[in-house]
PDB file of N, CA and C in Angstrom:
ATOM      1  N   MET A   1       0.919  -0.929  -0.298  1.00  0.00           N
ATOM      2  CA  MET A   1      -0.251   0.097   0.129  1.00  0.00           C
ATOM      3  C   MET A   1       0.653   1.431   0.178  1.00  0.00           C
ATOM      4  N   LEU A   2       1.630   1.211   0.418  1.00  0.00           N
ATOM      5  CA  LEU A   2       2.792   2.225   1.199  1.00  0.00           C
ATOM      6  C   LEU A   2       3.287   2.900  -0.175  1.00  0.00           C
ATOM      7  N   LYS A   3       4.179   1.677  -0.898  1.00  0.00           N
ATOM      8  CA  LYS A   3       4.945   1.356  -2.896  1.00  0.00           C
ATOM      9  C   LYS A   3       3.372   1.887  -3.510  1.00  0.00           C
ATOM     10  N   ALA A   4       2.579   2.047  -2.957  1.00  0.00           N
ATOM     11  CA  ALA A   4       1.406   2.488  -4.779  1.00  0.00           C
ATOM     12  C   ALA A   4       1.279   4.087  -3.899  1.00  0.00           C
ATOM     13  N   ARG A   5       1.040   4.137  -3.018  1.00  0.00           N
ATOM     14  CA  ARG A   5       0.894   5.699  -2.449  1.00  0.00           C
ATOM     15  C   ARG A   5       2.092   6.881  -3.050  1.00  0.00           C
ATOM     16  N   ARG A   6       3.109   5.889  -2.880  1.00  0.00           N
ATOM     17  CA  ARG A   6       4.542   6.757  -3.309  1.00  0.00           C
ATOM     18  C   ARG A   6       4.657   7.145  -4.524  1.00  0.00           C
ATOM     19  N   THR A   7       4.123   5.803  -5.092  1.00  0.00           N
ATOM     20  CA  THR A   7       4.332   5.953  -6.879  1.00  0.00           C
ATOM     21  C   THR A   7       3.495   7.202  -7.622  1.00  0.00           C
ATOM     22  N   LYS A   8       2.166   7.065  -6.746  1.00  0.00           N
ATOM     23  CA  LYS A   8       1.045   8.026  -7.079  1.00  0.00           C
ATOM     24  C   LYS A   8       1.582   9.490  -7.010  1.00  0.00           C
ATOM     25  N   GLN A   9       2.610   9.245  -5.979  1.00  0.00           N
ATOM     26  CA  GLN A   9       2.769  10.941  -5.346  1.00  0.00           C
ATOM     27  C   GLN A   9       4.226  11.058  -6.537  1.00  0.00           C
ATOM     28  N   LYS A  10       5.031  10.049  -6.899  1.00  0.00           N
ATOM     29  CA  LYS A  10       5.825  10.889  -8.121  1.00  0.00           C
ATOM     30  C   LYS A  10       5.362  11.196  -9.070  1.00  0.00           C
ATOM     31  N   THR A  11       4.203  10.349  -9.663  1.00  0.00           N
ATOM     32  CA  THR A  11       3.715  10.427 -10.944  1.00  0.00           C
ATOM     33  C   THR A  11       3.317  11.662 -10.922  1.00  0.00           C
ATOM     34  N   LYS A  12       2.247  12.049  -9.750  1.00  0.00           N
ATOM     35  CA  LYS A  12       1.810  13.497  -9.792  1.00  0.00           C
ATOM     36  C   LYS A  12       2.778  15.128  -9.651  1.00  0.00           C
ATOM     37  N   LYS A  13       4.143  14.666  -9.201  1.00  0.00           N
ATOM     38  CA  LYS A  13       4.991  15.672  -9.389  1.00  0.00           C
ATOM     39  C   LYS A  13       5.738  15.528 -10.755  1.00  0.00           C
ATOM     40  N   HIS A  14       6.054  14.502 -11.176  1.00  0.00           N
ATOM     41  CA  HIS A  14       6.319  14.869 -12.694  1.00  0.00           C
ATOM     42  C   HIS A  14       5.534  14.919 -13.462  1.00  0.00           C
ATOM     43  N   LEU A  15       4.308  14.726 -13.593  1.00  0.00           N
ATOM     44  CA  LEU A  15       2.926  15.603 -14.580  1.00  0.00           C
ATOM     45  C   LEU A  15       2.996  17.287 -14.097  1.00  0.00           C
ATOM     46  N   ALA A  16       3.396  17.750 -12.932  1.00  0.00           N
ATOM     47  CA  ALA A  16       3.097  19.181 -12.391  1.00  0.00           C
ATOM     48  C   ALA A  16       4.396  19.610 -12.952  1.00  0.00           C
ATOM     49  N   GLY A  17       6.117  18.734 -12.797  1.00  0.00           N
ATOM     50  CA  GLY A  17       6.821  19.396 -13.339  1.00  0.00           C
ATOM     51  C   GLY A  17       6.474  19.498 -15.420  1.00  0.00           C
ATOM     52  N   ILE A  18       6.096  18.629 -15.819  1.00  0.00           N
ATOM     53  CA  ILE A  18       5.724  18.647 -17.116  1.00  0.00           C
ATOM     54  C   ILE A  18       5.195  19.607 -17.668  1.00  0.00           C
ATOM     55  N   ALA A  19       4.300  19.539 -17.037  1.00  0.00           N
ATOM     56  CA  ALA A  19       3.248  21.373 -17.046  1.00  0.00           C
ATOM     57  C   ALA A  19       3.833  22.350 -17.175  1.00  0.00           C
ATOM     58  N   LYS A  20       4.577  22.164 -16.220  1.00  0.00           N
ATOM     59  CA  LYS A  20       5.741  23.519 -15.518  1.00  0.00           C
ATOM     60  C   LYS A  20       6.158  24.597 -16.832  1.00  0.00           C
ATOM     61  N   ARG A  21       6.856  22.842 -17.217  1.00  0.00           N
ATOM     62  CA  ARG A  21       7.892  23.376 -18.287  1.00  0.00           C
ATOM     63  C   ARG A  21       7.149  23.781 -19.671  1.00  0.00           C
ATOM     64  N   ALA A  22       6.323  23.223 -20.047  1.00  0.00           N
ATOM     65  CA  ALA A  22       5.126  23.131 -21.445  1.00  0.00           C
ATOM     66  C   ALA A  22       4.664  24.525 -21.024  1.00  0.00           C
ATOM     67  N   LYS A  23       4.379  25.114 -20.308  1.00  0.00           N
ATOM     68  CA  LYS A  23       3.757  26.761 -19.865  1.00  0.00           C
ATOM     69  C   LYS A  23       5.524  27.476 -20.227  1.00  0.00           C
ATOM     70  N   LYS A  24       6.383  26.847 -19.778  1.00  0.00           N
ATOM     71  CA  LYS A  24       7.423  28.016 -19.655  1.00  0.00           C
ATOM     72  C   LYS A  24       7.802  27.861 -21.354  1.00  0.00           C
ATOM     73  N   LEU A  25       7.538  26.409 -22.044  1.00  0.00           N
ATOM     74  CA  LEU A  25       7.898  26.355 -23.586  1.00  0.00           C
ATOM     75  C   LEU A  25       7.073  27.488 -24.294  1.00  0.00           C
ATOM     76  N   LYS A  26       5.777  27.036 -24.232  1.00  0.00           N
ATOM     77  CA  LYS A  26       4.616  28.110 -25.369  1.00  0.00           C
ATOM     78  C   LYS A  26       5.102  29.516 -24.579  1.00  0.00           C
ATOM     79  N   LYS A  27       5.272  30.107 -23.724  1.00  0.00           N
ATOM     80  CA  LYS A  27       5.390  31.726 -22.950  1.00  0.00           C
ATOM     81  C   LYS A  27       6.700  31.704 -23.768  1.00  0.00           C
ATOM     82  N   GLN A  28       7.708  31.145 -24.000  1.00  0.00           N
ATOM     83  CA  GLN A  28       9.035  31.577 -25.144  1.00  0.00           C
ATOM     84  C   GLN A  28       8.292  31.344 -26.268  1.00  0.00           C
ATOM     85  N   ASP A  29       7.517  30.336 -26.885  1.00  0.00           N
ATOM     86  CA  ASP A  29       6.901  30.984 -28.362  1.00  0.00           C
ATOM     87  C   ASP A  29       6.423  32.005 -28.529  1.00  0.00           C
ATOM     88  N   VAL A  30       5.772  32.205 -27.149  1.00  0.00           N
ATOM     89  CA  VAL A  30       4.970  33.608 -28.082  1.00  0.00           C
ATOM     90  C   VAL A  30       6.081  34.782 -27.930  1.00  0.00           C
ATOM     91  N   LYS A  31       7.127  35.082 -27.155  1.00  0.00           N
ATOM     92  CA  LYS A  31       7.988  35.927 -27.227  1.00  0.00           C
ATOM     93  C   LYS A  31       8.808  35.987 -28.751  1.00  0.00           C
ATOM     94  N   THR A  32       9.019  34.981 -29.224  1.00  0.00           N
ATOM     95  CA  THR A  32       9.780  34.592 -30.694  1.00  0.00           C
ATOM     96  C   THR A  32       8.866  35.356 -31.547  1.00  0.00           C
ATOM     97  N   VAL A  33       7.666  34.444 -31.555  1.00  0.00           N
ATOM     98  CA  VAL A  33       6.403  34.995 -32.621  1.00  0.00           C
ATOM     99  C   VAL A  33       6.018  36.266 -32.368  1.00  0.00           C
ATOM    100  N   ALA A  34       6.526  37.173 -31.647  1.00  0.00           N
ATOM    101  CA  ALA A  34       5.954  38.551 -31.202  1.00  0.00           C
ATOM    102  C   ALA A  34       7.381  38.829 -32.508  1.00  0.00           C
ATOM    103  N   ALA A  35       8.535  38.810 -31.467  1.00  0.00           N
ATOM    104  CA  ALA A  35       9.365  39.229 -32.206  1.00  0.00           C
ATOM    105  C   ALA A  35       9.748  38.894 -33.720  1.00  0.00           C
ATOM    106  N   ASP A  36       9.611  38.098 -34.249  1.00  0.00           N
ATOM    107  CA  ASP A  36       9.295  37.573 -35.395  1.00  0.00           C
ATOM    108  C   ASP A  36       8.597  38.722 -36.386  1.00  0.00           C
ATOM    109  N   ALA A  37       7.368  38.868 -35.998  1.00  0.00           N
ATOM    110  CA  ALA A  37       6.066  39.679 -36.422  1.00  0.00           C
ATOM    111  C   ALA A  37       6.715  41.140 -36.457  1.00  0.00           C
ATOM    112  N   ALA A  38       7.271  41.381 -34.948  1.00  0.00           N
ATOM    113  CA  ALA A  38       7.912  42.644 -34.992  1.00  0.00           C
ATOM    114  C   ALA A  38       8.606  43.543 -36.669  1.00  0.00           C
ATOM    115  N   GLU A  39       9.696  42.351 -36.493  1.00  0.00           N
ATOM    116  CA  GLU A  39      10.637  42.472 -37.188  1.00  0.00           C
ATOM    117  C   GLU A  39      10.523  42.482 -38.949  1.00  0.00           C
ATOM    118  N   LYS A  40       9.545  41.741 -39.205  1.00  0.00           N
ATOM    119  CA  LYS A  40       8.692  41.588 -40.613  1.00  0.00           C
ATOM    120  C   LYS A  40       7.848  42.925 -40.704  1.00  0.00           C
ATOM    121  N   GLY A  41       7.379  43.535 -40.029  1.00  0.00           N
ATOM    122  CA  GLY A  41       6.829  44.849 -39.827  1.00  0.00           C
ATOM    123  C   GLY A  41       7.102  45.907 -40.512  1.00  0.00           C
ATOM    124  N   ARG A  42       8.941  46.232 -39.971  1.00  0.00           N
ATOM    125  CA  ARG A  42      10.150  46.984 -40.243  1.00  0.00           C
ATOM    126  C   ARG A  42      10.084  47.526 -41.744  1.00  0.00           C
ATOM    127  N   PRO A  43      10.571  48.490 -42.273  1.00  0.00           N
ATOM    128  CA  PRO A  43      10.974  48.690 -43.395  1.00  0.00           C
ATOM    129  C   PRO A  43      12.616  48.038 -43.576  1.00  0.00           C
TER     130      PRO A  43
END
C-alpha cells in the first residue's frame, strides 16, 4: 500500500513538472513569434 501511494505521489510531481515546462516553452514561443512579427513589420 505504501509503495502504491509513493508511486502516485511521484507521478503527480512528475506531471506537474512537465506541465510547468510546457507552460514555460509556450511563453517562449509567444515571445519569439511576437519578435519575428515585429521584425517583419520594419522597412
